[in-house]
Amino acid sequence: MKLTLAEQPVWQIVFVPDSPTASLFFTLALLWVLYPPRSIIIKRIGHVIQALAVVTSVKYGVWAVAIIFAGWMQGGTQHWQDWMLIASHSAMAIEALIYVRFFGFRWAALVVAGLWTLWNDTMDYTYDIYPWLPASLYDHVDGVRNFTFGLTLVSILCAWLALRQARRT
C-alpha cells in the first residue's frame, strides 16, 4: 500500500488491501450477526457486507494459496512464511463458507458484492495495483489476471451455493 500511495493517485487505495479487506468484511459481518440493527437500511448494508465477506474471503483465501504454489512451480523460493499464509488463507476461505448460514443476505446483496469484486479486479489489473506476486510470476501477469477474474466468478457461485444450501437446512 505504501508503494501505491507513493506512485498512484490516493483514490486507488480502496482497491489495494484485498485480503485484509476481506478479513475486515468478515469481521463486520460477524458484528452484524451478533448485534443486529433495527434499521432496515442498516440491515441491507449489513447484507451487502456479509455477501462481500463470503465472496472476498473465498476468493482471496484460494487466490493466495494458488499464487504461492504457482510461484513455487515457476521456480520461486519457498519460505516458512508461505506455509503460514497457506494455512491462514485456507482457513479464511473455509470459515466464510461455514459461517454463511448465519448471514442474512440474499441474491441482490450477492450481485452487489460480485460486481464490487469484479470492479476491484478490473482496477487491480488496469492500474497494476494487484496483490503481491512472487517474482517468478511477473512474466505471467496476464495468466494471473485471467485466473483472478475466473476465481471471482467461482467465488460468487460458491457463495450462492453455500447460501442456498444453508437455507435448506
Protein backbone atom coordinates (compact mmCIF):
# COMPACT_ATOMS: atom_id res chain seq x y z
CA MET A 1 0.00 0.00 0.00
CA LYS A 2 2.91 2.38 0.69
CA LEU A 3 4.09 1.87 -2.88
CA THR A 4 0.62 2.65 -4.22
CA LEU A 5 0.47 5.82 -2.10
CA ALA A 6 3.86 6.87 -3.42
CA GLU A 7 3.19 6.11 -7.09
CA GLN A 8 -0.58 6.11 -7.67
CA PRO A 9 -3.49 8.50 -7.03
CA VAL A 10 -4.93 8.35 -3.50
CA TRP A 11 -8.39 7.25 -4.72
CA GLN A 12 -6.92 3.86 -5.69
CA ILE A 13 -6.12 2.94 -2.08
CA VAL A 14 -9.60 1.47 -1.55
CA PHE A 15 -8.68 -1.21 -4.12
CA VAL A 16 -5.28 -2.18 -2.72
CA PRO A 17 -5.51 -4.23 0.51
CA ASP A 18 -7.54 -7.15 -0.91
CA SER A 19 -7.02 -9.90 1.66
CA PRO A 20 -7.10 -7.56 4.69
CA THR A 21 -10.29 -6.01 3.31
CA ALA A 22 -11.85 -9.48 3.04
CA SER A 23 -11.00 -10.06 6.71
CA LEU A 24 -12.48 -6.67 7.59
CA PHE A 25 -15.71 -7.55 5.76
CA PHE A 26 -15.86 -10.86 7.62
CA THR A 27 -15.34 -9.17 10.99
CA LEU A 28 -18.04 -6.59 10.22
CA ALA A 29 -20.36 -9.36 9.01
CA LEU A 30 -19.96 -11.16 12.33
CA LEU A 31 -20.69 -7.93 14.21
CA TRP A 32 -23.91 -7.53 12.19
CA VAL A 33 -24.90 -11.07 13.23
CA LEU A 34 -24.02 -10.53 16.89
CA TYR A 35 -25.60 -7.08 17.10
CA PRO A 36 -28.42 -6.96 14.54
CA PRO A 37 -29.51 -3.42 13.71
CA ARG A 38 -33.12 -2.31 13.90
CA SER A 39 -32.98 -0.05 10.86
CA ILE A 40 -33.89 -1.74 7.58
CA ILE A 41 -31.35 0.42 5.71
CA ILE A 42 -28.55 -0.61 8.06
CA LYS A 43 -29.67 -4.24 7.74
CA ARG A 44 -29.39 -4.01 3.94
CA ILE A 45 -25.93 -2.50 4.20
CA GLY A 46 -25.04 -5.37 6.52
CA HIS A 47 -26.31 -7.88 3.98
CA VAL A 48 -24.01 -6.45 1.31
CA ILE A 49 -21.10 -6.58 3.75
CA GLN A 50 -21.97 -10.19 4.60
CA ALA A 51 -22.04 -11.08 0.90
CA LEU A 52 -18.72 -9.27 0.40
CA ALA A 53 -17.32 -11.21 3.37
CA VAL A 54 -18.14 -14.54 1.80
CA VAL A 55 -17.17 -13.73 -1.79
CA THR A 56 -13.89 -11.98 -0.95
CA SER A 57 -12.84 -14.41 1.79
CA VAL A 58 -13.30 -17.39 -0.50
CA LYS A 59 -11.64 -15.60 -3.40
CA TYR A 60 -8.57 -14.24 -1.63
CA GLY A 61 -8.23 -17.32 0.53
CA VAL A 62 -7.97 -19.54 -2.53
CA TRP A 63 -6.10 -16.91 -4.59
CA ALA A 64 -3.24 -16.56 -2.10
CA VAL A 65 -2.74 -20.31 -1.80
CA ALA A 66 -2.86 -20.81 -5.58
CA ILE A 67 -0.42 -17.95 -6.20
CA ILE A 68 2.08 -19.27 -3.66
CA PHE A 69 2.00 -22.74 -5.25
CA ALA A 70 2.15 -21.26 -8.76
CA GLY A 71 5.19 -19.22 -7.74
CA TRP A 72 6.91 -22.35 -6.47
CA MET A 73 6.04 -24.23 -9.66
CA GLN A 74 7.70 -21.44 -11.67
CA GLY A 75 10.91 -21.83 -9.67
CA GLY A 76 10.22 -19.42 -6.83
CA THR A 77 11.87 -19.90 -3.46
CA GLN A 78 9.93 -21.48 -0.61
CA HIS A 79 9.88 -19.59 2.67
CA TRP A 80 8.50 -20.71 6.02
CA GLN A 81 6.11 -17.72 5.96
CA ASP A 82 4.48 -19.19 2.85
CA TRP A 83 3.20 -22.11 4.90
CA MET A 84 1.71 -19.72 7.45
CA LEU A 85 -0.01 -17.84 4.62
CA ILE A 86 -1.28 -21.10 3.10
CA ALA A 87 -2.79 -22.16 6.44
CA SER A 88 -4.34 -18.78 7.27
CA HIS A 89 -5.74 -18.11 3.80
CA SER A 90 -7.15 -21.62 3.51
CA ALA A 91 -8.88 -21.09 6.85
CA MET A 92 -10.19 -17.74 5.63
CA ALA A 93 -11.96 -19.40 2.69
CA ILE A 94 -13.31 -22.28 4.75
CA GLU A 95 -14.61 -20.14 7.61
CA ALA A 96 -16.59 -17.94 5.23
CA LEU A 97 -18.38 -20.97 3.83
CA ILE A 98 -19.04 -22.30 7.32
CA TYR A 99 -20.44 -19.01 8.64
CA VAL A 100 -22.61 -18.21 5.60
CA ARG A 101 -25.54 -19.95 7.31
CA PHE A 102 -25.60 -17.21 9.96
CA PHE A 103 -25.71 -14.40 7.40
CA GLY A 104 -28.95 -12.90 6.13
CA PHE A 105 -28.02 -11.71 2.65
CA ARG A 106 -29.96 -12.67 -0.46
CA TRP A 107 -29.20 -12.68 -4.16
CA ALA A 108 -29.39 -8.87 -4.58
CA ALA A 109 -26.65 -8.32 -2.00
CA LEU A 110 -24.64 -11.09 -3.66
CA VAL A 111 -24.96 -9.33 -7.03
CA VAL A 112 -23.67 -6.08 -5.49
CA ALA A 113 -20.79 -7.94 -3.82
CA GLY A 114 -19.96 -9.72 -7.07
CA LEU A 115 -19.97 -6.50 -9.07
CA TRP A 116 -17.74 -4.78 -6.49
CA THR A 117 -15.28 -7.68 -6.55
CA LEU A 118 -15.16 -7.74 -10.35
CA TRP A 119 -14.66 -3.97 -10.37
CA ASN A 120 -11.83 -4.41 -7.84
CA ASP A 121 -10.20 -6.96 -10.17
CA THR A 122 -10.54 -4.55 -13.07
CA MET A 123 -8.87 -1.78 -11.06
CA ASP A 124 -6.10 -4.13 -9.89
CA TYR A 125 -5.08 -5.20 -13.37
CA THR A 126 -5.80 -1.93 -15.17
CA TYR A 127 -3.70 0.20 -12.80
CA ASP A 128 -1.21 -2.51 -11.70
CA ILE A 129 -2.29 -2.38 -8.07
CA TYR A 130 -2.92 -6.12 -7.81
CA PRO A 131 -1.83 -8.04 -4.70
CA TRP A 132 1.75 -9.13 -4.19
CA LEU A 133 3.05 -11.75 -6.58
CA PRO A 134 6.15 -13.92 -6.27
CA ALA A 135 8.90 -12.64 -8.58
CA SER A 136 8.64 -15.86 -10.59
CA LEU A 137 5.09 -14.87 -11.69
CA TYR A 138 5.79 -11.37 -13.01
CA ASP A 139 6.20 -12.79 -16.52
CA HIS A 140 2.75 -14.37 -16.17
CA VAL A 141 0.60 -11.44 -15.01
CA ASP A 142 -1.88 -11.97 -17.86
CA GLY A 143 -2.44 -15.54 -16.69
CA VAL A 144 -2.75 -14.40 -13.08
CA ARG A 145 -5.29 -11.77 -14.17
CA ASN A 146 -7.37 -14.34 -16.04
CA PHE A 147 -7.20 -16.73 -13.09
CA THR A 148 -8.25 -13.90 -10.75
CA PHE A 149 -11.33 -12.98 -12.77
CA GLY A 150 -12.30 -16.63 -13.09
CA LEU A 151 -11.82 -17.16 -9.38
CA THR A 152 -14.07 -14.19 -8.63
CA LEU A 153 -16.85 -15.79 -10.67
CA VAL A 154 -16.31 -19.14 -8.94
CA SER A 155 -16.34 -17.41 -5.54
CA ILE A 156 -19.67 -15.74 -6.33
CA LEU A 157 -21.06 -19.12 -7.36
CA CYS A 158 -19.69 -20.76 -4.18
CA ALA A 159 -21.28 -18.04 -2.04
CA TRP A 160 -24.62 -18.53 -3.78
CA LEU A 161 -24.47 -22.32 -3.47
CA ALA A 162 -23.42 -22.16 0.20
CA LEU A 163 -26.20 -19.70 0.97
CA ARG A 164 -28.72 -21.82 -0.89
CA GLN A 165 -27.60 -24.94 0.98
CA ALA A 166 -27.75 -23.07 4.32
CA ARG A 167 -31.35 -22.01 3.62
CA ARG A 168 -32.34 -25.65 3.04
CA THR A 169 -31.06 -26.90 6.37
